[in-house]
Each structure stands twice: as C-alpha cells, then as structure tokens.
Protein backbone atom coordinates (compact mmCIF):
# COMPACT_ATOMS: atom_id res chain seq x y z
CA MET A 1 0.14 -0.14 0.16
CA SER A 2 1.39 3.45 -1.04
CA SER A 3 1.60 6.56 1.28
CA ARG A 4 -0.61 9.30 0.26
CA THR A 5 -0.19 12.79 0.65
CA ALA A 6 -2.54 15.13 2.10
CA GLY A 7 -4.63 17.61 -0.20
CA ARG A 8 -8.07 19.53 0.51
CA VAL A 9 -11.05 20.51 -0.95
CA ARG A 10 -12.79 24.07 -1.08
CA VAL A 11 -16.27 23.86 -0.31
CA PRO A 12 -18.11 26.98 -0.13
CA GLY A 13 -20.05 28.00 2.66
CA THR A 14 -22.54 30.49 3.68
CA PHE A 15 -22.62 30.98 7.39
CA THR A 16 -19.66 32.94 9.44
CA SER A 17 -18.40 30.31 11.45
CA ARG A 18 -15.33 28.53 10.16
CA ILE A 19 -16.49 24.98 9.36
CA LEU A 20 -12.37 23.37 8.91
CA ALA A 21 -11.31 19.90 8.00
CA SER A 22 -8.32 17.68 7.48
CA ALA A 23 -6.77 14.87 5.71
CA ILE A 24 -4.48 12.49 6.46
CA ALA A 25 -1.68 10.19 4.52
CA VAL A 26 -1.17 7.09 6.19
CA SER A 27 1.10 3.81 5.34
CA THR A 28 1.39 0.28 5.76
CA ALA A 29 4.30 0.56 8.03
CA ALA A 30 2.28 2.43 10.45
CA THR A 31 2.37 0.54 13.80
CA LEU A 32 1.40 2.07 17.47
CA THR A 33 3.76 3.00 20.26
CA ALA A 34 2.30 2.59 23.93
CA VAL A 35 3.20 4.73 26.56
CA ALA A 36 1.81 3.79 30.12
CA LEU A 37 0.77 6.07 32.57
CA PRO A 38 0.90 6.66 36.03
CA ALA A 39 -1.88 4.42 37.61
CA THR A 40 -4.57 6.26 39.67
CA ALA A 41 -7.48 4.65 41.47
CA VAL A 42 -10.85 5.00 39.65
CA ALA A 43 -13.82 6.01 41.08
CA ASP A 44 -15.64 3.70 43.84
CA ALA A 45 -18.89 3.42 42.66
CA PRO A 46 -20.06 0.52 41.27
CA TYR A 47 -19.25 -0.47 37.50
CA ARG A 48 -22.15 -0.90 35.74
CA GLY A 49 -21.18 -1.70 31.94
CA ALA A 50 -19.17 1.17 30.38
CA ASN A 51 -19.90 0.49 26.94
CA THR A 52 -23.84 -0.57 27.44
CA ALA A 53 -26.09 2.07 25.27
CA ALA A 54 -27.82 3.19 28.08
CA VAL A 55 -24.84 3.75 29.88
CA GLN A 56 -22.85 5.60 26.80
CA ASP A 57 -24.95 8.13 27.18
CA ASP A 58 -26.55 8.39 30.22
CA PHE A 59 -24.73 11.47 32.14
CA ASN A 60 -27.53 11.28 35.35
CA GLY A 61 -27.94 7.29 35.62
CA ASP A 62 -31.64 7.76 35.08
CA GLY A 63 -31.92 5.35 32.40
CA TYR A 64 -32.64 7.73 29.80
CA ARG A 65 -30.00 8.45 27.09
CA ASP A 66 -29.13 12.24 26.58
CA VAL A 67 -27.65 14.02 23.96
CA ALA A 68 -25.07 16.67 23.73
CA VAL A 69 -25.06 19.15 21.75
CA GLY A 70 -21.76 21.17 20.15
CA ALA A 71 -22.64 25.11 19.92
CA PRO A 72 -18.80 26.02 18.88
CA GLY A 73 -19.97 30.31 17.44
CA ALA A 74 -21.73 30.52 21.12
CA ALA A 75 -19.95 33.36 22.73
CA ASN A 76 -19.10 33.52 27.07
CA GLY A 77 -20.24 37.29 27.66
CA SER A 78 -17.64 39.47 25.55
CA VAL A 79 -15.65 36.44 24.39
CA ASP A 80 -16.97 35.99 20.84
CA ALA A 81 -16.78 32.31 19.63
CA ALA A 82 -15.81 30.90 22.99
CA GLY A 83 -18.21 27.79 22.09
CA ALA A 84 -20.52 25.76 24.30
CA VAL A 85 -21.92 22.45 24.66
CA VAL A 86 -25.41 21.86 25.47
CA VAL A 87 -26.85 18.49 27.14
CA LEU A 88 -30.26 17.87 26.78
CA TYR A 89 -31.18 14.94 29.13
CA GLY A 90 -33.54 12.42 28.13
CA SER A 91 -37.48 11.27 29.44
CA ALA A 92 -40.54 9.56 28.53
CA ASN A 93 -41.22 13.02 27.02
CA GLY A 94 -38.30 13.30 24.89
CA LEU A 95 -35.76 16.30 25.08
CA ALA A 96 -36.42 19.47 25.97
CA ALA A 97 -34.51 22.90 26.65
CA SER A 98 -35.95 23.66 29.87
CA HIS A 99 -34.05 20.21 30.83
CA ARG A 100 -30.38 20.78 30.08
CA THR A 101 -26.91 21.25 31.34
CA VAL A 102 -24.69 24.27 29.51
CA ILE A 103 -20.95 23.43 29.50
CA THR A 104 -18.48 26.10 28.89
CA GLN A 105 -14.72 26.41 29.79
CA ALA A 106 -16.44 29.30 32.18
CA THR A 107 -18.14 26.33 34.24
CA SER A 108 -16.70 25.56 37.54
CA GLY A 109 -14.80 22.74 37.62
CA ILE A 110 -14.04 22.79 33.71
CA PRO A 111 -10.43 23.16 32.67
CA GLY A 112 -9.22 26.07 30.49
CA THR A 113 -10.41 29.59 30.07
CA PRO A 114 -12.87 31.23 27.38
CA GLU A 115 -10.93 32.90 24.74
CA GLU A 116 -11.86 34.33 21.29
CA TRP A 117 -12.60 31.91 18.52
CA ASP A 118 -12.04 28.65 20.60
CA ARG A 119 -14.80 27.32 19.55
CA PHE A 120 -15.08 24.58 22.63
CA GLY A 121 -18.05 21.88 20.98
CA THR A 122 -17.00 21.50 17.61
CA ALA A 123 -16.36 17.87 18.48
CA VAL A 124 -18.56 15.99 20.92
CA THR A 125 -19.31 12.65 21.98
CA SER A 126 -19.40 10.16 25.31
CA ALA A 127 -18.75 6.80 27.61
CA ASP A 128 -18.34 5.91 30.99
CA LEU A 129 -14.55 6.59 31.02
CA ASP A 130 -13.96 5.98 34.88
CA ARG A 131 -16.25 2.98 34.91
CA ASP A 132 -18.53 4.27 37.68
CA GLY A 133 -21.60 3.79 35.75
CA TYR A 134 -22.44 7.40 34.50
CA ALA A 135 -21.43 8.39 30.82
CA ASP A 136 -19.02 11.20 31.03
CA LEU A 137 -18.91 14.29 28.01
CA LEU A 138 -16.21 14.32 25.97
CA VAL A 139 -15.40 17.80 24.22
CA GLY A 140 -13.19 18.63 21.51
CA THR A 141 -11.90 22.19 20.68
CA PRO A 142 -9.18 21.85 17.81
CA ASP A 143 -9.11 25.65 17.85
CA GLU A 144 -7.91 26.27 21.51
CA SER A 145 -5.00 28.14 21.27
CA ALA A 146 -1.70 27.45 23.55
CA GLY A 147 0.25 30.41 24.42
CA THR A 148 0.58 32.43 21.52
CA MET A 149 -0.44 29.71 18.84
CA GLY A 150 -3.31 29.66 17.60
CA GLY A 151 -5.47 26.07 16.82
CA VAL A 152 -3.50 23.70 18.95
CA GLY A 153 -6.66 22.13 20.25
CA SER A 154 -7.27 20.16 23.51
CA LEU A 155 -9.49 17.29 24.76
CA THR A 156 -11.79 17.93 28.06
CA VAL A 157 -13.79 15.59 29.57
CA VAL A 158 -16.50 16.46 32.07
CA TRP A 159 -17.66 13.82 34.81
CA GLY A 160 -21.44 12.31 35.02
CA GLY A 161 -23.03 11.58 37.95
CA PRO A 162 -26.11 11.45 39.66
CA SER A 163 -26.81 14.91 39.50
CA GLY A 164 -25.71 15.28 35.94
CA LEU A 165 -22.24 16.64 34.74
CA LYS A 166 -20.00 18.26 37.32
CA GLY A 167 -16.32 18.99 37.00
CA GLY A 168 -14.14 17.76 34.48
CA ALA A 169 -10.34 17.10 33.45
CA SER A 170 -7.91 18.11 30.80
CA VAL A 171 -7.09 14.99 28.54
CA PRO A 172 -3.82 14.88 28.58
CA THR A 173 -2.47 16.15 24.40
CA PRO A 174 0.68 14.47 22.71
CA THR A 175 4.02 16.41 23.02
CA GLY A 176 4.81 18.57 20.46
CA LEU A 177 1.41 20.01 19.09
CA ASP A 178 2.29 23.12 17.29
CA GLU A 179 0.14 25.93 15.75
CA GLY A 180 -2.52 24.52 13.14
CA CYS A 181 -2.65 21.11 14.95
CA ARG A 182 -6.09 20.99 15.84
CA PHE A 183 -5.63 18.07 18.14
CA ALA A 184 -9.21 16.67 18.99
CA ALA A 185 -11.25 17.68 15.97
CA GLY A 186 -12.76 14.16 15.69
CA LEU A 187 -13.36 12.05 18.33
CA ALA A 188 -14.60 8.59 18.36
CA VAL A 189 -15.08 5.69 21.38
CA GLY A 190 -15.09 2.31 21.89
CA ASP A 191 -13.58 -0.96 23.74
CA VAL A 192 -10.99 -1.32 21.28
CA SER A 193 -8.90 -3.81 23.92
CA GLY A 194 -11.88 -6.08 25.29
CA ASP A 195 -11.32 -5.39 28.73
CA GLY A 196 -14.66 -3.54 29.12
CA ALA A 197 -13.81 -0.13 29.28
CA PRO A 198 -13.88 2.26 26.58
CA ASP A 199 -10.69 3.42 24.82
CA VAL A 200 -10.94 7.24 22.78
CA SER A 201 -9.38 7.41 19.39
CA VAL A 202 -8.54 11.30 18.73
CA THR A 203 -7.85 12.82 15.10
CA GLY A 204 -6.00 15.95 14.15
CA ASP A 205 -3.76 17.89 11.59
CA CYS A 206 -0.43 16.42 13.34
CA GLY A 207 -1.29 12.88 13.41
CA ALA A 208 -3.73 10.66 15.85
CA THR A 209 -3.63 9.78 19.25
CA THR A 210 -5.54 6.61 20.79
CA TYR A 211 -6.34 6.58 24.65
CA THR A 212 -6.74 3.28 26.91
CA GLY A 213 -9.20 2.96 28.93
CA PRO A 214 -10.02 3.18 32.55
CA PHE A 215 -9.44 6.78 33.01
CA THR A 216 -8.86 8.70 36.46
CA ARG A 217 -10.50 11.58 37.77
CA THR A 218 -7.50 13.58 36.45
CA GLY A 219 -8.49 12.82 33.29
CA THR A 220 -5.29 9.93 33.02
CA PRO A 221 -5.90 7.06 30.40
CA ALA A 222 -4.53 3.75 31.38
CA ALA A 223 -2.24 4.29 28.19
CA ARG A 224 -1.48 6.49 25.43
CA ASN A 225 -0.72 5.58 21.73
CA PHE A 226 0.67 7.94 19.39
CA VAL A 227 0.10 6.32 16.01
CA ASN A 228 3.59 6.57 13.69
CA ASP A 229 3.62 8.03 10.17
CA LEU A 230 0.34 9.70 10.01
CA GLY A 231 0.10 12.67 8.94
CA THR A 232 -3.03 15.32 9.10
CA ASN A 233 -6.23 13.53 10.13
CA ARG A 234 -9.92 13.65 8.98
CA GLY A 235 -11.67 11.21 11.21
CA VAL A 236 -11.82 7.81 12.89
CA VAL A 237 -14.84 5.07 12.91
CA VAL A 238 -14.70 2.59 15.67
CA GLY A 239 -17.04 -0.57 16.17
CA ASP A 240 -17.11 -4.20 16.60
CA VAL A 241 -17.58 -5.86 13.20
CA ASP A 242 -16.15 -9.29 13.62
CA GLY A 243 -18.39 -10.20 16.76
CA ASP A 244 -15.07 -11.17 18.47
CA GLY A 245 -16.35 -8.40 21.70
CA ARG A 246 -13.54 -6.30 20.53
CA ALA A 247 -14.01 -2.42 18.80
CA GLU A 248 -11.94 -2.25 15.45
CA ARG A 249 -10.51 0.88 14.37
CA PHE A 250 -11.42 2.73 10.72
CA TRP A 251 -9.13 6.03 9.92
CA LEU A 252 -10.99 8.01 7.17
CA PRO A 253 -8.11 10.11 6.13
CA GLY A 254 -10.39 12.38 4.34
CA PRO A 255 -9.72 14.32 0.84
CA THR A 256 -5.69 13.01 -0.64
CA ASP A 257 -3.78 13.90 -4.02
CA GLY A 258 -5.78 11.97 -6.13
CA ASP A 259 -8.60 10.33 -3.99
CA GLU A 260 -10.91 13.73 -2.87
CA SER A 261 -13.69 10.86 -2.10
CA GLY A 262 -11.22 9.64 0.96
CA PRO A 263 -9.59 6.63 1.32
CA VAL A 264 -10.29 4.16 3.86
CA TYR A 265 -8.24 1.60 6.41
CA ALA A 266 -8.74 -0.83 8.65
CA GLU A 267 -6.45 -1.08 11.72
CA GLY A 268 -5.74 -4.72 13.00
CA HIS A 269 -5.25 -5.55 16.71
CA ASP A 270 -1.65 -5.52 16.01
CA GLY A 271 -1.67 -2.05 14.76
CA ARG A 272 -0.98 -1.94 11.63
CA TYR A 273 -2.88 -0.91 8.45
CA THR A 274 -4.87 -1.96 5.79
CA GLU A 275 -6.25 -0.16 3.07
CA LEU A 276 -9.50 -0.94 1.93
CA PRO A 277 -9.37 -0.47 -1.76
CA LEU A 278 -12.89 -0.27 -3.10
CA ALA A 279 -14.23 2.03 0.18
CA ASP A 280 -14.30 5.98 0.01
CA GLY A 281 -15.40 7.78 2.92
CA LEU A 282 -14.70 11.25 4.82
CA SER A 283 -17.55 10.01 7.92
CA GLY A 284 -18.61 7.23 8.88
CA GLN A 285 -20.51 5.05 11.67
CA ILE A 286 -20.80 1.40 12.58
CA GLY A 287 -24.31 -0.55 13.44
CA ASP A 288 -25.70 -3.57 12.72
CA ILE A 289 -27.86 -3.23 9.66
CA ASN A 290 -29.21 -6.56 8.64
CA GLY A 291 -29.48 -8.04 11.65
CA ASP A 292 -26.67 -10.62 11.57
CA GLY A 293 -24.86 -9.67 15.20
CA TYR A 294 -22.14 -8.37 13.07
CA GLY A 295 -21.41 -4.29 12.84
CA ASP A 296 -21.42 -2.64 9.63
CA LEU A 297 -19.40 0.31 8.38
CA VAL A 298 -20.90 3.16 6.52
CA THR A 299 -19.38 5.80 4.96
CA GLY A 300 -20.50 9.32 3.49
CA ALA A 301 -18.79 10.42 0.59
CA PRO A 302 -20.52 13.86 0.09
CA TYR A 303 -18.15 15.45 -2.49
CA ASP A 304 -18.55 15.28 -6.47
CA ALA A 305 -16.84 16.53 -9.15
CA SER A 306 -18.23 19.90 -8.94
CA LEU A 307 -16.37 20.39 -5.63
CA GLY A 308 -13.05 19.03 -6.68
CA SER A 309 -10.79 17.54 -9.20
CA SER A 310 -11.12 13.82 -8.98
CA PRO A 311 -14.14 12.24 -6.82
CA SER A 312 -15.29 9.50 -8.02
CA THR A 313 -18.61 9.70 -6.19
CA HIS A 314 -22.06 9.95 -7.89
CA ARG A 315 -22.93 13.24 -8.45
CA GLY A 316 -24.81 15.38 -5.36
CA GLY A 317 -22.56 12.68 -2.97
CA GLU A 318 -23.25 9.09 -2.17
CA ILE A 319 -22.65 6.61 1.22
CA GLN A 320 -21.64 3.06 1.33
CA VAL A 321 -21.91 -0.15 3.15
CA LEU A 322 -19.43 -2.55 3.64
CA TYR A 323 -21.04 -5.33 6.18
CA GLY A 324 -19.31 -7.16 8.63
CA SER A 325 -18.71 -10.86 9.35
CA ALA A 326 -16.88 -13.30 11.23
CA GLN A 327 -14.05 -12.39 9.17
CA GLY A 328 -14.52 -8.44 9.69
CA ILE A 329 -14.32 -6.52 6.69
CA THR A 330 -11.83 -7.39 4.47
CA PRO A 331 -9.74 -5.62 1.63
CA GLY A 332 -11.60 -7.55 -1.05
CA GLN A 333 -15.09 -6.61 -0.39
CA LYS A 334 -17.14 -4.45 -2.70
CA PRO A 335 -19.41 -1.71 -0.79
CA GLN A 336 -22.88 -1.32 -1.46
CA ILE A 337 -23.67 2.08 -2.93
CA ILE A 338 -26.89 4.66 -2.53
CA HIS A 339 -27.31 7.70 -3.53
CA GLN A 340 -29.85 10.38 -4.45
CA ASP A 341 -30.82 8.71 -7.69
CA THR A 342 -31.01 5.19 -6.21
CA PRO A 343 -34.44 4.05 -7.22
CA GLY A 344 -36.54 4.60 -3.82
CA VAL A 345 -34.07 7.31 -2.40
CA PRO A 346 -36.49 10.54 -2.06
CA GLY A 347 -35.07 13.53 -4.37
CA SER A 348 -31.94 13.76 -7.27
CA GLY A 349 -28.31 14.12 -6.91
CA GLU A 350 -27.75 17.39 -7.98
CA ASN A 351 -24.10 19.14 -7.82
CA GLY A 352 -22.64 20.01 -4.11
CA ASP A 353 -25.86 18.30 -2.57
CA GLN A 354 -23.14 16.97 -0.25
CA PHE A 355 -25.36 13.82 0.66
CA GLY A 356 -23.47 11.60 3.07
CA MET A 357 -21.62 14.86 4.76
CA SER A 358 -23.72 13.45 7.92
CA LEU A 359 -24.58 10.25 9.09
CA ALA A 360 -26.38 8.05 11.82
CA VAL A 361 -27.14 4.68 12.40
CA GLY A 362 -29.83 3.31 15.02
CA ASP A 363 -33.06 1.44 14.99
CA THR A 364 -35.99 4.41 14.54
CA ASN A 365 -38.98 1.62 14.46
CA GLY A 366 -38.21 -1.08 16.83
CA ASP A 367 -37.09 -3.89 14.25
CA LYS A 368 -33.76 -5.17 15.33
CA TYR A 369 -32.21 -3.57 12.18
CA ALA A 370 -30.48 -0.85 12.25
CA ASP A 371 -31.56 2.36 9.47
CA VAL A 372 -29.14 5.33 8.69
CA LEU A 373 -29.94 8.84 8.53
CA VAL A 374 -27.92 10.50 5.77
CA GLY A 375 -27.47 14.31 6.31
CA ALA A 376 -27.39 16.20 2.79
CA PRO A 377 -26.70 20.20 4.07
CA TRP A 378 -26.06 21.82 1.03
CA GLU A 379 -29.56 20.14 -0.86
CA ALA A 380 -31.25 22.83 -2.54
CA LEU A 381 -35.19 23.12 -2.39
CA GLY A 382 -36.07 24.88 -5.29
CA SER A 383 -34.78 28.31 -5.56
CA VAL A 384 -33.88 27.84 -2.02
CA LYS A 385 -30.12 27.17 -1.74
CA GLY A 386 -28.20 25.63 1.34
CA ALA A 387 -31.61 24.74 3.04
CA GLY A 388 -30.72 21.24 3.93
CA GLN A 389 -32.34 17.70 3.91
CA ALA A 390 -31.86 14.45 5.97
CA THR A 391 -32.86 10.80 4.67
CA LEU A 392 -33.67 7.79 6.37
CA LEU A 393 -33.06 4.64 4.68
CA ARG A 394 -34.04 1.44 6.30
CA GLY A 395 -32.32 -1.66 7.49
CA SER A 396 -33.32 -5.07 6.63
CA ALA A 397 -32.22 -8.81 6.56
CA ALA A 398 -31.57 -8.08 3.39
CA GLY A 399 -29.03 -4.83 4.36
CA LEU A 400 -29.92 -1.32 3.38
CA THR A 401 -33.06 -0.80 1.52
CA ALA A 402 -34.02 2.53 -0.36
CA SER A 403 -37.51 0.76 0.30
CA GLY A 404 -39.57 2.84 2.99
CA SER A 405 -36.99 5.22 2.86
CA LEU A 406 -38.30 9.07 4.13
CA ALA A 407 -37.26 12.74 3.58
CA TYR A 408 -36.76 15.54 5.93
CA THR A 409 -36.75 19.05 5.51
CA GLN A 410 -37.84 22.43 6.90
CA ASP A 411 -41.02 22.21 4.64
CA THR A 412 -41.85 18.34 5.36
CA SER A 413 -45.58 18.44 6.93
CA GLY A 414 -44.88 18.60 10.47
CA VAL A 415 -41.65 19.74 10.89
CA PRO A 416 -42.10 23.42 12.19
CA GLY A 417 -40.02 26.24 10.37
CA THR A 418 -39.76 26.97 6.60
CA ALA A 419 -36.37 25.70 4.82
CA GLU A 420 -34.16 29.24 3.96
CA SER A 421 -31.54 29.54 2.13
CA GLY A 422 -28.20 28.71 4.53
CA ASP A 423 -30.10 26.73 7.03
CA LEU A 424 -28.02 23.51 6.44
CA PHE A 425 -30.44 21.44 7.44
CA ALA A 426 -28.68 17.89 8.59
CA THR A 427 -25.18 19.12 8.78
CA SER A 428 -25.47 17.21 11.65
CA THR A 429 -27.41 13.90 12.29
CA HIS A 430 -28.15 11.81 15.32
CA LEU A 431 -30.59 8.50 15.88
CA VAL A 432 -30.24 7.99 19.75
CA ASP A 433 -33.45 6.37 21.98
CA VAL A 434 -34.19 8.94 24.60
CA THR A 435 -37.57 8.55 25.42
CA LYS A 436 -36.58 4.32 26.67
CA ASP A 437 -39.29 2.83 24.23
CA GLY A 438 -36.95 1.03 22.09
CA LYS A 439 -36.96 3.54 19.20
CA ALA A 440 -34.79 5.63 17.95
CA GLU A 441 -35.62 9.43 18.02
CA VAL A 442 -34.44 11.59 14.65
CA ILE A 443 -32.34 14.15 15.56
CA VAL A 444 -30.99 16.73 13.47
CA GLY A 445 -29.06 20.07 13.64
CA ALA A 446 -29.48 23.01 11.24
CA PRO A 447 -26.36 25.20 12.60
CA GLY A 448 -27.15 28.00 9.92
CA GLU A 449 -30.77 28.61 11.05
CA ASN A 450 -31.11 32.57 11.33
CA LEU A 451 -27.96 33.69 13.18
CA ASP A 452 -28.70 31.00 16.20
CA GLY A 453 -29.15 27.57 15.08
CA LEU A 454 -31.84 24.79 15.62
CA LEU A 455 -32.46 20.91 16.82
CA TRP A 456 -35.18 19.31 15.26
CA THR A 457 -36.12 15.96 16.66
CA ALA A 458 -38.61 13.32 15.89
CA ARG A 459 -40.14 10.53 17.62
CA GLY A 460 -39.53 6.79 16.92
CA SER A 461 -42.38 4.78 16.33
CA ALA A 462 -43.39 1.19 15.24
CA ALA A 463 -43.91 2.95 11.81
CA GLY A 464 -40.98 5.14 12.18
CA PRO A 465 -40.12 8.84 12.95
CA VAL A 466 -43.17 10.95 13.58
CA THR A 467 -43.31 14.31 12.10
CA GLY A 468 -46.59 15.34 13.95
CA GLY A 469 -45.28 16.78 17.10
CA SER A 470 -41.93 16.86 16.76
CA THR A 471 -40.14 19.78 17.92
CA THR A 472 -37.30 22.02 17.89
CA ILE A 473 -34.67 23.90 19.92
CA SER A 474 -32.96 26.90 19.33
CA GLY A 475 -29.49 28.06 20.35
CA THR A 476 -30.97 31.12 21.95
CA GLY A 477 -33.93 29.00 23.57
CA ALA A 478 -31.06 26.44 25.09
CA GLY A 479 -29.26 29.47 26.57
CA LEU A 480 -26.72 30.46 24.77
CA THR A 481 -25.74 33.86 23.77
CA ARG A 482 -23.99 35.70 20.30
CA LYS A 483 -21.47 38.63 19.93
CA TYR A 484 -20.80 38.52 16.27
CA THR A 485 -20.36 35.05 14.88
CA GLU A 486 -23.16 32.95 14.45
CA ILE A 487 -24.19 30.70 17.50
CA ASN A 488 -23.61 27.36 15.23
CA PHE A 489 -25.94 25.30 17.79
CA GLY A 490 -26.50 21.66 16.12
CA GLU A 491 -23.11 22.42 14.40
CA ALA A 492 -21.79 19.05 16.17
CA LEU A 493 -23.81 15.82 17.39
CA PRO A 494 -22.25 12.63 18.25
CA GLY A 495 -23.48 11.33 14.76
CA ALA A 496 -20.47 11.67 12.56
CA HIS A 497 -20.38 14.31 11.27
CA SER A 498 -17.44 15.43 8.16
CA THR A 499 -16.88 19.37 8.35
CA VAL A 500 -15.04 21.43 5.43
C-alpha cells in the first residue's frame, strides 16, 4: 500500500463561522507505540458496564439516554465564539430545552479559559471513561490556543454523576503540538482492547492519538498510544465488525491528492493498517444494519466532481456500506452504494448536495435492524440553496434498502419552521432512543438557522419517525448568546459529521 499525500477540497459556505477539515496520509508500516501512564484508583462507585448503550449516553444515571449538542460559535460574555455544549437530558417525553445543562470553559470545575475563537464544542461524544456507571462527556476544541499559537487543540472530559455533569479534566495531549495541529477535531469511542473499558480515538492535523481506558478523575488514561506515520487526520470510526467483543478502528483520511473521495483504512489489533481499496468516505458510523450480529461500516462520500478535481462519487454525493462478518471487513469487499438517484431514494442527485456529509445509525422503529440517517446540508429546495435535507434509509435482513425511505426538510409537513437559504439542515444527524421505548428518535442539527442554529427532534415509532408533534430547540432557547459570530447550535452531534 502506498503512502498518500494530504490534499484539500474547497467547499463554499454561507454562514460566518469557520467549518474546518483535514486529511491524513498513512502507510502500511504504521504501528502504535504505547506509553504507560501513572496508575491512579478509579471512582469507587460500582462498575455497571461502560459500553452498554444506556450507560454510554446517560450522564445522570436516570436510565434515559441524553444528547450533547455542540455550539462552537456561542459567545461567553464578551468573548466571541468561545463555544459551548448543551446537554439535553432524555425523558419519557423526549428532549426539552428546560431540562438541560450548558457547559463552557467558564463553567465551574471545567479546565481552560474561554478565548475568542476557541470554538469549544466543535466535536462531542460520550462514554463511561472512569467506569463508575455514569456516562462522561468528551469535548473537542481543535481551535484552542496554546500561548501565542492558535489552533493547537485540546480535549476535555466532563464527569457524569447522579446530579448530571459536574467537574472535569483535561485529557493529556500529545507532546510537540504546534500551531494549526487542531488536536481533537474528531472523536470516537469503543472498547478496542476488549477489557470492558472504553478506549478513545482522537484525530487532528498533526497525527492521531489513541487512549486506552479506564481513565482516572485527573483525565489520565491507562495508556496513551501515538500512531506513527500519520499526518493530518480527518476522522476515525470505532465498532465491532467481527463479533469478537473487541471494537475495530477505521481511519478516514479525507481528501488526498488523487483521491478526494477519501480512502478508508482498517487498523488491525496488531496496530497495522490495511487499505480497503474499493471503499471511500469522509465520515462514518458502525451499526448492525442486517441484524446478523455483526457491526456494519457505513461511510459518507459527499464530494462530487463539482467540488473537486477527482472525486469518483455520484453526483450530489453517496454513502457506502461494508457488511461485517466473522472475518470482519476484508480488503476485497465491494461496498453497497446508495445515492439520491438510487431507485426509491427521495429526491435526485445535484451538484454539491453533499449527501453523506453527516451520518447516524440506529433503530427507529424497533424492528432490530439499524437504520441510517443521511444528511445533505447543501440540498437546494427549488431556488432555496443550502436549505438541507435528511434522508432515512431502512435496515433489513437483506441489508440497507431504499424501500420505505423518507426525506425530511423544514418544509416537510409536521416539521416546524420553513426552509431558508443557508439553514444547512442536517449538517449533523443523530439517532438515539431518549424516551426508552426501544425506538430511536431522529435528531437533526441546522447550525445555519438564522444567527442561532436549531435542533429538530422527531419521536421514533413502530412506523418510523413521527413528524407530527416534532419539536425544535434554538440556540438562544437553550440559553446561549452570541456576539458577532453565529452561535451554530447543532453544528456538532455524536453522530458522524465531516466538516469542511
């Protein structure tokens, strides 16, 4: 496998906040070097399963999964674009702006200081890092400054507990980070080592770092691993695709010279990389789409030829599915490809739609097959450019299908609001059961909505998501403020999102 040289694709934007991206170059000789860190006792509360679905997202231990929403453009007092994360707590009635916690770098117990253009909350995810039975929040701040150097980046953990999120720590950064490294631009969690403790994978423009759990309350992991020969890094996906109880990592370099659709690399448990030569993708998620007990890798390849010199993806973008098995995902596998011109998929592929820019995987109707929610934030609705659209594709025993697929915009009946140019509806997507009824809710971020940003939620049901009675929460409605920059509430959700 040959090395690749990182490249860039320029994509137009309409709202004022910066949405930045990166790419990585990898080689077949890449390996992991483990660094053991000092051991400290973890929390005394009983360990109840760090990687169960409920614990991974349940910050306050009430049995309902919660949702972290990034708003990197939010002001902190007079500090423009310092950034914030709003945590909306799940309940039998769903999400509500009144049942929330707002986390910033000015929050008591949270390390760091709000600074202009830090953009705290650019990336968010969760896992029970200290194994006390409560989910902990991970926040990536890739534009964090270090002294006079801008864009060095930082990673913060905020601890969950019976009263919700309280207190935090800085996760140790790699040594030698420089200006523009943008550490923690991308985050993924999963039990790679198979010991029941979640491990954390972090991307950035100066290489990738993996952390072996559990973590202590100082933010210290059991070990820190530096990935050799990695350059700039766009994304990483973590999940078990071979059923052995250990998650696998898949690295998504992003656009590279000669492959602007983005190559895909599988990392073996020996730390070596194998290119999946038939696959592409800039974002990804893993879930069991066909119900066979193996995780399936879904990637989004949103760039078409109108946005770069060499993408081979379908006009308007596409998604790809590689199905797991007892052998995992092998280099010879040909992915299933779905786009907006696939029969049964609503709409049609148009230049620059960016179908696949965001992805989420979850079971919206309780049939035990994971569905896929695909964002196309640059979808035009008539003359309304950049209005955005989310498309739900169904899982089945035969795999992902367009049969019964649904499309959602702000002009869809039952969805509050009206589609407007630059809303960028479906910049972020998430599927998660916050009501504990066994059916995932559809959650969609529209960070370009007005100057505020918006989060739309529709309840899951046996017939799929229900738009009637669906709700929206705005950034100001969630307690955020702005100075000059747009708040961008909803720009980041735990679902996969490839930024530009």
